[in-house]
């Protein structure tokens, strides 16, 4: 499930470090979080869609690895991203 280009650009604008930043860990985490939210809503009404469930699990794992990296490299940014997105992270 792809995000609309306008939604993706808004997320990038909110979490980017500078004007040309589109792929930092913060931006990737924010985009994955939005995709996870959309896919979770889809699976609530389509509970037999196992291929989408597999994709959701892969996205959650990728976000977890990115959060682990961000926590290790820049803890203050990690705390800000987690607070802004409202996600639980250890």
PDB file of N, CA and C in Angstrom:
ATOM      1  N   UNK A   1       0.843  -1.167   0.000  1.00  0.00           N
ATOM      2  CA  UNK A   1       0.000   0.000   0.000  1.00  0.00           C
ATOM      3  C   UNK A   1       0.893   1.236   0.000  1.00  0.00           C
ATOM      4  N   UNK A   2       0.917   1.914  -1.102  1.00  0.00           N
ATOM      5  CA  UNK A   2       1.757   3.093  -1.238  1.00  0.00           C
ATOM      6  C   UNK A   2       1.056   4.320  -0.672  1.00  0.00           C
ATOM      7  N   UNK A   3       1.850   5.236  -0.169  1.00  0.00           N
ATOM      8  CA  UNK A   3       1.317   6.488   0.340  1.00  0.00           C
ATOM      9  C   UNK A   3       1.161   7.475  -0.808  1.00  0.00           C
ATOM     10  N   UNK A   4       0.207   8.395  -0.677  1.00  0.00           N
ATOM     11  CA  UNK A   4       0.076   9.459  -1.659  1.00  0.00           C
ATOM     12  C   UNK A   4       1.321  10.324  -1.629  1.00  0.00           C
ATOM     13  N   UNK A   5       1.671  10.890  -2.764  1.00  0.00           N
ATOM     14  CA  UNK A   5       2.874  11.709  -2.864  1.00  0.00           C
ATOM     15  C   UNK A   5       2.795  12.936  -1.937  1.00  0.00           C
ATOM     16  N   UNK A   6       1.601  13.529  -1.812  1.00  0.00           N
ATOM     17  CA  UNK A   6       1.445  14.705  -0.955  1.00  0.00           C
ATOM     18  C   UNK A   6       1.673  14.353   0.510  1.00  0.00           C
ATOM     19  N   UNK A   7       1.153  13.208   0.937  1.00  0.00           N
ATOM     20  CA  UNK A   7       1.323  12.765   2.322  1.00  0.00           C
ATOM     21  C   UNK A   7       2.792  12.491   2.597  1.00  0.00           C
ATOM     22  N   UNK A   8       3.451  11.831   1.667  1.00  0.00           N
ATOM     23  CA  UNK A   8       4.861  11.495   1.833  1.00  0.00           C
ATOM     24  C   UNK A   8       5.718  12.764   1.900  1.00  0.00           C
ATOM     25  N   UNK A   9       5.430  13.740   1.045  1.00  0.00           N
ATOM     26  CA  UNK A   9       6.184  14.993   1.067  1.00  0.00           C
ATOM     27  C   UNK A   9       5.973  15.753   2.370  1.00  0.00           C
ATOM     28  N   UNK A  10       4.764  15.704   2.918  1.00  0.00           N
ATOM     29  CA  UNK A  10       4.493  16.367   4.195  1.00  0.00           C
ATOM     30  C   UNK A  10       5.282  15.711   5.327  1.00  0.00           C
ATOM     31  N   UNK A  11       5.355  14.387   5.317  1.00  0.00           N
ATOM     32  CA  UNK A  11       6.117  13.663   6.339  1.00  0.00           C
ATOM     33  C   UNK A  11       7.601  13.997   6.213  1.00  0.00           C
ATOM     34  N   UNK A  12       8.107  14.018   4.993  1.00  0.00           N
ATOM     35  CA  UNK A  12       9.516  14.339   4.775  1.00  0.00           C
ATOM     36  C   UNK A  12       9.812  15.755   5.248  1.00  0.00           C
ATOM     37  N   UNK A  13       8.933  16.699   4.931  1.00  0.00           N
ATOM     38  CA  UNK A  13       9.145  18.090   5.341  1.00  0.00           C
ATOM     39  C   UNK A  13       9.175  18.232   6.858  1.00  0.00           C
ATOM     40  N   UNK A  14       8.396  17.429   7.553  1.00  0.00           N
ATOM     41  CA  UNK A  14       8.336  17.526   9.010  1.00  0.00           C
ATOM     42  C   UNK A  14       9.566  16.942   9.687  1.00  0.00           C
ATOM     43  N   UNK A  15      10.136  15.873   9.150  1.00  0.00           N
ATOM     44  CA  UNK A  15      11.203  15.155   9.836  1.00  0.00           C
ATOM     45  C   UNK A  15      12.587  15.309   9.215  1.00  0.00           C
ATOM     46  N   UNK A  16      12.719  16.031   8.115  1.00  0.00           N
ATOM     47  CA  UNK A  16      14.026  16.132   7.468  1.00  0.00           C
ATOM     48  C   UNK A  16      14.986  17.012   8.253  1.00  0.00           C
ATOM     49  N   UNK A  17      16.269  16.722   8.107  1.00  0.00           N
ATOM     50  CA  UNK A  17      17.316  17.476   8.804  1.00  0.00           C
ATOM     51  C   UNK A  17      17.604  18.795   8.105  1.00  0.00           C
ATOM     52  N   UNK A  18      17.649  18.765   6.769  1.00  0.00           N
ATOM     53  CA  UNK A  18      17.871  19.978   5.985  1.00  0.00           C
ATOM     54  C   UNK A  18      17.031  19.896   4.719  1.00  0.00           C
ATOM     55  N   UNK A  19      17.171  20.863   3.836  1.00  0.00           N
ATOM     56  CA  UNK A  19      16.297  20.959   2.664  1.00  0.00           C
ATOM     57  C   UNK A  19      16.426  19.778   1.701  1.00  0.00           C
ATOM     58  N   UNK A  20      17.590  19.152   1.637  1.00  0.00           N
ATOM     59  CA  UNK A  20      17.799  18.061   0.669  1.00  0.00           C
ATOM     60  C   UNK A  20      17.659  16.678   1.292  1.00  0.00           C
ATOM     61  N   UNK A  21      17.362  16.600   2.572  1.00  0.00           N
ATOM     62  CA  UNK A  21      17.315  15.319   3.276  1.00  0.00           C
ATOM     63  C   UNK A  21      16.007  14.591   2.987  1.00  0.00           C
ATOM     64  N   UNK A  22      16.102  13.417   2.391  1.00  0.00           N
ATOM     65  CA  UNK A  22      14.911  12.602   2.146  1.00  0.00           C
ATOM     66  C   UNK A  22      15.067  11.173   2.645  1.00  0.00           C
ATOM     67  N   UNK A  23      16.259  10.805   3.107  1.00  0.00           N
ATOM     68  CA  UNK A  23      16.477   9.413   3.451  1.00  0.00           C
ATOM     69  C   UNK A  23      17.116   9.164   4.799  1.00  0.00           C
ATOM     70  N   UNK A  24      17.114  10.164   5.667  1.00  0.00           N
ATOM     71  CA  UNK A  24      17.710   9.951   6.988  1.00  0.00           C
ATOM     72  C   UNK A  24      16.863   8.960   7.781  1.00  0.00           C
ATOM     73  N   UNK A  25      17.427   8.471   8.852  1.00  0.00           N
ATOM     74  CA  UNK A  25      16.724   7.483   9.669  1.00  0.00           C
ATOM     75  C   UNK A  25      15.407   8.050  10.196  1.00  0.00           C
ATOM     76  N   UNK A  26      15.396   9.324  10.585  1.00  0.00           N
ATOM     77  CA  UNK A  26      14.172   9.931  11.108  1.00  0.00           C
ATOM     78  C   UNK A  26      13.064   9.932  10.060  1.00  0.00           C
ATOM     79  N   UNK A  27      13.416  10.294   8.834  1.00  0.00           N
ATOM     80  CA  UNK A  27      12.422  10.330   7.753  1.00  0.00           C
ATOM     81  C   UNK A  27      11.927   8.922   7.443  1.00  0.00           C
ATOM     82  N   UNK A  28      12.837   7.966   7.378  1.00  0.00           N
ATOM     83  CA  UNK A  28      12.444   6.585   7.079  1.00  0.00           C
ATOM     84  C   UNK A  28      11.523   6.032   8.162  1.00  0.00           C
ATOM     85  N   UNK A  29      11.818   6.334   9.430  1.00  0.00           N
ATOM     86  CA  UNK A  29      10.977   5.861  10.534  1.00  0.00           C
ATOM     87  C   UNK A  29       9.587   6.470  10.440  1.00  0.00           C
ATOM     88  N   UNK A  30       9.517   7.762  10.127  1.00  0.00           N
ATOM     89  CA  UNK A  30       8.218   8.439  10.035  1.00  0.00           C
ATOM     90  C   UNK A  30       7.386   7.876   8.883  1.00  0.00           C
ATOM     91  N   UNK A  31       8.014   7.632   7.736  1.00  0.00           N
ATOM     92  CA  UNK A  31       7.284   7.080   6.588  1.00  0.00           C
ATOM     93  C   UNK A  31       6.815   5.661   6.890  1.00  0.00           C
ATOM     94  N   UNK A  32       7.686   4.859   7.480  1.00  0.00           N
ATOM     95  CA  UNK A  32       7.292   3.490   7.840  1.00  0.00           C
ATOM     96  C   UNK A  32       6.158   3.496   8.858  1.00  0.00           C
ATOM     97  N   UNK A  33       6.199   4.417   9.803  1.00  0.00           N
ATOM     98  CA  UNK A  33       5.139   4.491  10.807  1.00  0.00           C
ATOM     99  C   UNK A  33       3.794   4.798  10.164  1.00  0.00           C
ATOM    100  N   UNK A  34       3.802   5.702   9.187  1.00  0.00           N
ATOM    101  CA  UNK A  34       2.555   6.034   8.482  1.00  0.00           C
ATOM    102  C   UNK A  34       2.052   4.823   7.683  1.00  0.00           C
ATOM    103  N   UNK A  35       2.960   4.124   6.995  1.00  0.00           N
ATOM    104  CA  UNK A  35       2.572   2.936   6.233  1.00  0.00           C
ATOM    105  C   UNK A  35       2.021   1.854   7.159  1.00  0.00           C
ATOM    106  N   UNK A  36       2.647   1.689   8.325  1.00  0.00           N
ATOM    107  CA  UNK A  36       2.189   0.696   9.294  1.00  0.00           C
ATOM    108  C   UNK A  36       0.783   1.036   9.772  1.00  0.00           C
ATOM    109  N   UNK A  37       0.535   2.304  10.007  1.00  0.00           N
ATOM    110  CA  UNK A  37      -0.792   2.736  10.464  1.00  0.00           C
ATOM    111  C   UNK A  37      -1.857   2.448   9.400  1.00  0.00           C
ATOM    112  N   UNK A  38      -1.546   2.769   8.151  1.00  0.00           N
ATOM    113  CA  UNK A  38      -2.497   2.533   7.048  1.00  0.00           C
ATOM    114  C   UNK A  38      -2.750   1.043   6.875  1.00  0.00           C
ATOM    115  N   UNK A  39      -1.700   0.256   6.915  1.00  0.00           N
ATOM    116  CA  UNK A  39      -1.834  -1.189   6.716  1.00  0.00           C
ATOM    117  C   UNK A  39      -2.572  -1.852   7.880  1.00  0.00           C
ATOM    118  N   UNK A  40      -2.383  -1.343   9.086  1.00  0.00           N
ATOM    119  CA  UNK A  40      -3.099  -1.871  10.241  1.00  0.00           C
ATOM    120  C   UNK A  40      -4.604  -1.649  10.091  1.00  0.00           C
ATOM    121  N   UNK A  41      -4.983  -0.470   9.616  1.00  0.00           N
ATOM    122  CA  UNK A  41      -6.405  -0.196   9.373  1.00  0.00           C
ATOM    123  C   UNK A  41      -6.962  -1.110   8.289  1.00  0.00           C
ATOM    124  N   UNK A  42      -6.168  -1.359   7.246  1.00  0.00           N
ATOM    125  CA  UNK A  42      -6.596  -2.263   6.180  1.00  0.00           C
ATOM    126  C   UNK A  42      -6.836  -3.673   6.723  1.00  0.00           C
ATOM    127  N   UNK A  43      -5.935  -4.123   7.584  1.00  0.00           N
ATOM    128  CA  UNK A  43      -6.042  -5.493   8.098  1.00  0.00           C
ATOM    129  C   UNK A  43      -7.177  -5.652   9.107  1.00  0.00           C
ATOM    130  N   UNK A  44      -7.652  -4.572   9.693  1.00  0.00           N
ATOM    131  CA  UNK A  44      -8.797  -4.674  10.599  1.00  0.00           C
ATOM    132  C   UNK A  44     -10.056  -5.091   9.846  1.00  0.00           C
ATOM    133  N   UNK A  45     -10.184  -4.627   8.607  1.00  0.00           N
ATOM    134  CA  UNK A  45     -11.366  -4.996   7.830  1.00  0.00           C
ATOM    135  C   UNK A  45     -11.111  -6.181   6.892  1.00  0.00           C
ATOM    136  N   UNK A  46      -9.850  -6.499   6.629  1.00  0.00           N
ATOM    137  CA  UNK A  46      -9.496  -7.609   5.739  1.00  0.00           C
ATOM    138  C   UNK A  46      -8.579  -8.565   6.478  1.00  0.00           C
ATOM    139  N   UNK A  47      -9.117  -9.236   7.463  1.00  0.00           N
ATOM    140  CA  UNK A  47      -8.292 -10.052   8.344  1.00  0.00           C
ATOM    141  C   UNK A  47      -7.727 -11.310   7.684  1.00  0.00           C
ATOM    142  N   UNK A  48      -8.191 -11.669   6.513  1.00  0.00           N
ATOM    143  CA  UNK A  48      -7.671 -12.850   5.830  1.00  0.00           C
ATOM    144  C   UNK A  48      -6.572 -12.513   4.820  1.00  0.00           C
ATOM    145  N   UNK A  49      -6.171 -11.268   4.759  1.00  0.00           N
ATOM    146  CA  UNK A  49      -5.144 -10.826   3.817  1.00  0.00           C
ATOM    147  C   UNK A  49      -3.766 -11.112   4.403  1.00  0.00           C
ATOM    148  N   UNK A  50      -3.307 -12.348   4.220  1.00  0.00           N
ATOM    149  CA  UNK A  50      -2.075 -12.787   4.856  1.00  0.00           C
ATOM    150  C   UNK A  50      -0.822 -12.195   4.208  1.00  0.00           C
ATOM    151  N   UNK A  51      -0.860 -11.917   2.915  1.00  0.00           N
ATOM    152  CA  UNK A  51       0.316 -11.330   2.274  1.00  0.00           C
ATOM    153  C   UNK A  51       0.556  -9.905   2.778  1.00  0.00           C
ATOM    154  N   UNK A  52      -0.516  -9.163   3.020  1.00  0.00           N
ATOM    155  CA  UNK A  52      -0.356  -7.822   3.590  1.00  0.00           C
ATOM    156  C   UNK A  52       0.119  -7.899   5.034  1.00  0.00           C
ATOM    157  N   UNK A  53      -0.311  -8.915   5.751  1.00  0.00           N
ATOM    158  CA  UNK A  53       0.138  -9.095   7.129  1.00  0.00           C
ATOM    159  C   UNK A  53       1.654  -9.373   7.163  1.00  0.00           C
ATOM    160  N   UNK A  54       2.137 -10.159   6.212  1.00  0.00           N
ATOM    161  CA  UNK A  54       3.567 -10.423   6.122  1.00  0.00           C
ATOM    162  C   UNK A  54       4.333  -9.131   5.831  1.00  0.00           C
ATOM    163  N   UNK A  55       3.807  -8.334   4.919  1.00  0.00           N
ATOM    164  CA  UNK A  55       4.427  -7.042   4.617  1.00  0.00           C
ATOM    165  C   UNK A  55       4.443  -6.127   5.828  1.00  0.00           C
ATOM    166  N   UNK A  56       3.368  -6.156   6.614  1.00  0.00           N
ATOM    167  CA  UNK A  56       3.301  -5.349   7.834  1.00  0.00           C
ATOM    168  C   UNK A  56       4.382  -5.774   8.819  1.00  0.00           C
ATOM    169  N   UNK A  57       4.551  -7.072   8.994  1.00  0.00           N
ATOM    170  CA  UNK A  57       5.565  -7.564   9.916  1.00  0.00           C
ATOM    171  C   UNK A  57       6.970  -7.173   9.463  1.00  0.00           C
ATOM    172  N   UNK A  58       7.210  -7.182   8.158  1.00  0.00           N
ATOM    173  CA  UNK A  58       8.511  -6.771   7.642  1.00  0.00           C
ATOM    174  C   UNK A  58       8.747  -5.285   7.893  1.00  0.00           C
ATOM    175  N   UNK A  59       7.709  -4.480   7.714  1.00  0.00           N
ATOM    176  CA  UNK A  59       7.838  -3.038   7.961  1.00  0.00           C
ATOM    177  C   UNK A  59       8.095  -2.747   9.432  1.00  0.00           C
ATOM    178  N   UNK A  60       7.416  -3.464  10.312  1.00  0.00           N
ATOM    179  CA  UNK A  60       7.621  -3.273  11.748  1.00  0.00           C
ATOM    180  C   UNK A  60       9.056  -3.648  12.118  1.00  0.00           C
ATOM    181  N   UNK A  61       9.568  -4.725  11.551  1.00  0.00           N
ATOM    182  CA  UNK A  61      10.943  -5.127  11.809  1.00  0.00           C
ATOM    183  C   UNK A  61      11.952  -4.104  11.299  1.00  0.00           C
ATOM    184  N   UNK A  62      11.697  -3.555  10.121  1.00  0.00           N
ATOM    185  CA  UNK A  62      12.590  -2.537   9.560  1.00  0.00           C
ATOM    186  C   UNK A  62      12.588  -1.289  10.432  1.00  0.00           C
ATOM    187  N   UNK A  63      11.396  -0.871  10.878  1.00  0.00           N
ATOM    188  CA  UNK A  63      11.297   0.305  11.750  1.00  0.00           C
ATOM    189  C   UNK A  63      12.019   0.057  13.069  1.00  0.00           C
ATOM    190  N   UNK A  64      11.903  -1.146  13.581  1.00  0.00           N
ATOM    191  CA  UNK A  64      12.583  -1.483  14.830  1.00  0.00           C
ATOM    192  C   UNK A  64      14.091  -1.381  14.681  1.00  0.00           C
ATOM    193  N   UNK A  65      14.621  -1.878  13.557  1.00  0.00           N
ATOM    194  CA  UNK A  65      16.065  -1.790  13.316  1.00  0.00           C
ATOM    195  C   UNK A  65      16.512  -0.336  13.160  1.00  0.00           C
ATOM    196  N   UNK A  66      15.722   0.473  12.482  1.00  0.00           N
ATOM    197  CA  UNK A  66      16.073   1.885  12.320  1.00  0.00           C
ATOM    198  C   UNK A  66      16.028   2.615  13.659  1.00  0.00           C
ATOM    199  N   UNK A  67      15.041   2.302  14.494  1.00  0.00           N
ATOM    200  CA  UNK A  67      14.967   2.915  15.820  1.00  0.00           C
ATOM    201  C   UNK A  67      16.164   2.510  16.674  1.00  0.00           C
ATOM    202  N   UNK A  68      16.562   1.264  16.567  1.00  0.00           N
ATOM    203  CA  UNK A  68      17.723   0.778  17.323  1.00  0.00           C
ATOM    204  C   UNK A  68      18.980   1.529  16.889  1.00  0.00           C
ATOM    205  N   UNK A  69      19.132   1.724  15.580  1.00  0.00           N
ATOM    206  CA  UNK A  69      20.269   2.471  15.056  1.00  0.00           C
ATOM    207  C   UNK A  69      20.242   3.919  15.540  1.00  0.00           C
ATOM    208  N   UNK A  70      19.088   4.563  15.448  1.00  0.00           N
ATOM    209  CA  UNK A  70      18.971   5.963  15.850  1.00  0.00           C
ATOM    210  C   UNK A  70      19.228   6.123  17.339  1.00  0.00           C
ATOM    211  N   UNK A  71      18.753   5.188  18.136  1.00  0.00           N
ATOM    212  CA  UNK A  71      18.997   5.251  19.577  1.00  0.00           C
ATOM    213  C   UNK A  71      20.492   5.143  19.889  1.00  0.00           C
ATOM    214  N   UNK A  72      21.180   4.287  19.150  1.00  0.00           N
ATOM    215  CA  UNK A  72      22.607   4.078  19.369  1.00  0.00           C
ATOM    216  C   UNK A  72      23.435   5.287  18.928  1.00  0.00           C
ATOM    217  N   UNK A  73      23.037   5.959  17.852  1.00  0.00           N
ATOM    218  CA  UNK A  73      23.850   7.027  17.285  1.00  0.00           C
ATOM    219  C   UNK A  73      23.478   8.419  17.784  1.00  0.00           C
ATOM    220  N   UNK A  74      22.181   8.691  18.008  1.00  0.00           N
ATOM    221  CA  UNK A  74      21.753  10.031  18.389  1.00  0.00           C
ATOM    222  C   UNK A  74      20.525   9.916  19.299  1.00  0.00           C
ATOM    223  N   UNK A  75      20.766   9.807  20.595  1.00  0.00           N
ATOM    224  CA  UNK A  75      19.689   9.506  21.537  1.00  0.00           C
ATOM    225  C   UNK A  75      18.667  10.638  21.644  1.00  0.00           C
ATOM    226  N   UNK A  76      19.104  11.894  21.576  1.00  0.00           N
ATOM    227  CA  UNK A  76      18.146  13.003  21.697  1.00  0.00           C
ATOM    228  C   UNK A  76      17.182  13.034  20.511  1.00  0.00           C
ATOM    229  N   UNK A  77      17.702  12.780  19.316  1.00  0.00           N
ATOM    230  CA  UNK A  77      16.837  12.718  18.136  1.00  0.00           C
ATOM    231  C   UNK A  77      15.896  11.525  18.232  1.00  0.00           C
ATOM    232  N   UNK A  78      16.395  10.413  18.744  1.00  0.00           N
ATOM    233  CA  UNK A  78      15.573   9.224  18.955  1.00  0.00           C
ATOM    234  C   UNK A  78      14.380   9.549  19.854  1.00  0.00           C
ATOM    235  N   UNK A  79      14.642  10.222  20.974  1.00  0.00           N
ATOM    236  CA  UNK A  79      13.567  10.581  21.901  1.00  0.00           C
ATOM    237  C   UNK A  79      12.547  11.508  21.244  1.00  0.00           C
ATOM    238  N   UNK A  80      13.020  12.471  20.451  1.00  0.00           N
ATOM    239  CA  UNK A  80      12.124  13.407  19.776  1.00  0.00           C
ATOM    240  C   UNK A  80      11.236  12.689  18.761  1.00  0.00           C
ATOM    241  N   UNK A  81      11.832  11.807  17.973  1.00  0.00           N
ATOM    242  CA  UNK A  81      11.072  11.078  16.939  1.00  0.00           C
ATOM    243  C   UNK A  81      10.021  10.182  17.589  1.00  0.00           C
ATOM    244  N   UNK A  82      10.399   9.475  18.641  1.00  0.00           N
ATOM    245  CA  UNK A  82       9.459   8.580  19.326  1.00  0.00           C
ATOM    246  C   UNK A  82       8.299   9.384  19.924  1.00  0.00           C
ATOM    247  N   UNK A  83       8.613  10.530  20.505  1.00  0.00           N
ATOM    248  CA  UNK A  83       7.561  11.365  21.094  1.00  0.00           C
ATOM    249  C   UNK A  83       6.643  11.947  20.018  1.00  0.00           C
ATOM    250  N   UNK A  84       7.216  12.416  18.904  1.00  0.00           N
ATOM    251  CA  UNK A  84       6.414  13.006  17.830  1.00  0.00           C
ATOM    252  C   UNK A  84       5.497  11.986  17.172  1.00  0.00           C
ATOM    253  N   UNK A  85       5.989  10.761  16.999  1.00  0.00           N
ATOM    254  CA  UNK A  85       5.194   9.722  16.331  1.00  0.00           C
ATOM    255  C   UNK A  85       4.269   8.976  17.288  1.00  0.00           C
ATOM    256  N   UNK A  86       4.531   9.093  18.571  1.00  0.00           N
ATOM    257  CA  UNK A  86       3.692   8.398  19.542  1.00  0.00           C
ATOM    258  C   UNK A  86       3.840   6.888  19.508  1.00  0.00           C
ATOM    259  N   UNK A  87       5.070   6.429  19.313  1.00  0.00           N
ATOM    260  CA  UNK A  87       5.306   4.985  19.274  1.00  0.00           C
ATOM    261  C   UNK A  87       6.058   4.572  20.521  1.00  0.00           C
ATOM    262  N   UNK A  88       5.919   3.309  20.852  1.00  0.00           N
ATOM    263  CA  UNK A  88       6.637   2.753  22.009  1.00  0.00           C
ATOM    264  C   UNK A  88       7.967   2.204  21.533  1.00  0.00           C
ATOM    265  N   UNK A  89       9.008   2.534  22.258  1.00  0.00           N
ATOM    266  CA  UNK A  89      10.323   2.024  21.908  1.00  0.00           C
ATOM    267  C   UNK A  89      11.122   1.828  23.176  1.00  0.00           C
ATOM    268  N   UNK A  90      11.920   0.795  23.187  1.00  0.00           N
ATOM    269  CA  UNK A  90      12.743   0.514  24.366  1.00  0.00           C
ATOM    270  C   UNK A  90      14.041   1.278  24.283  1.00  0.00           C
TER     271      UNK A  90
END
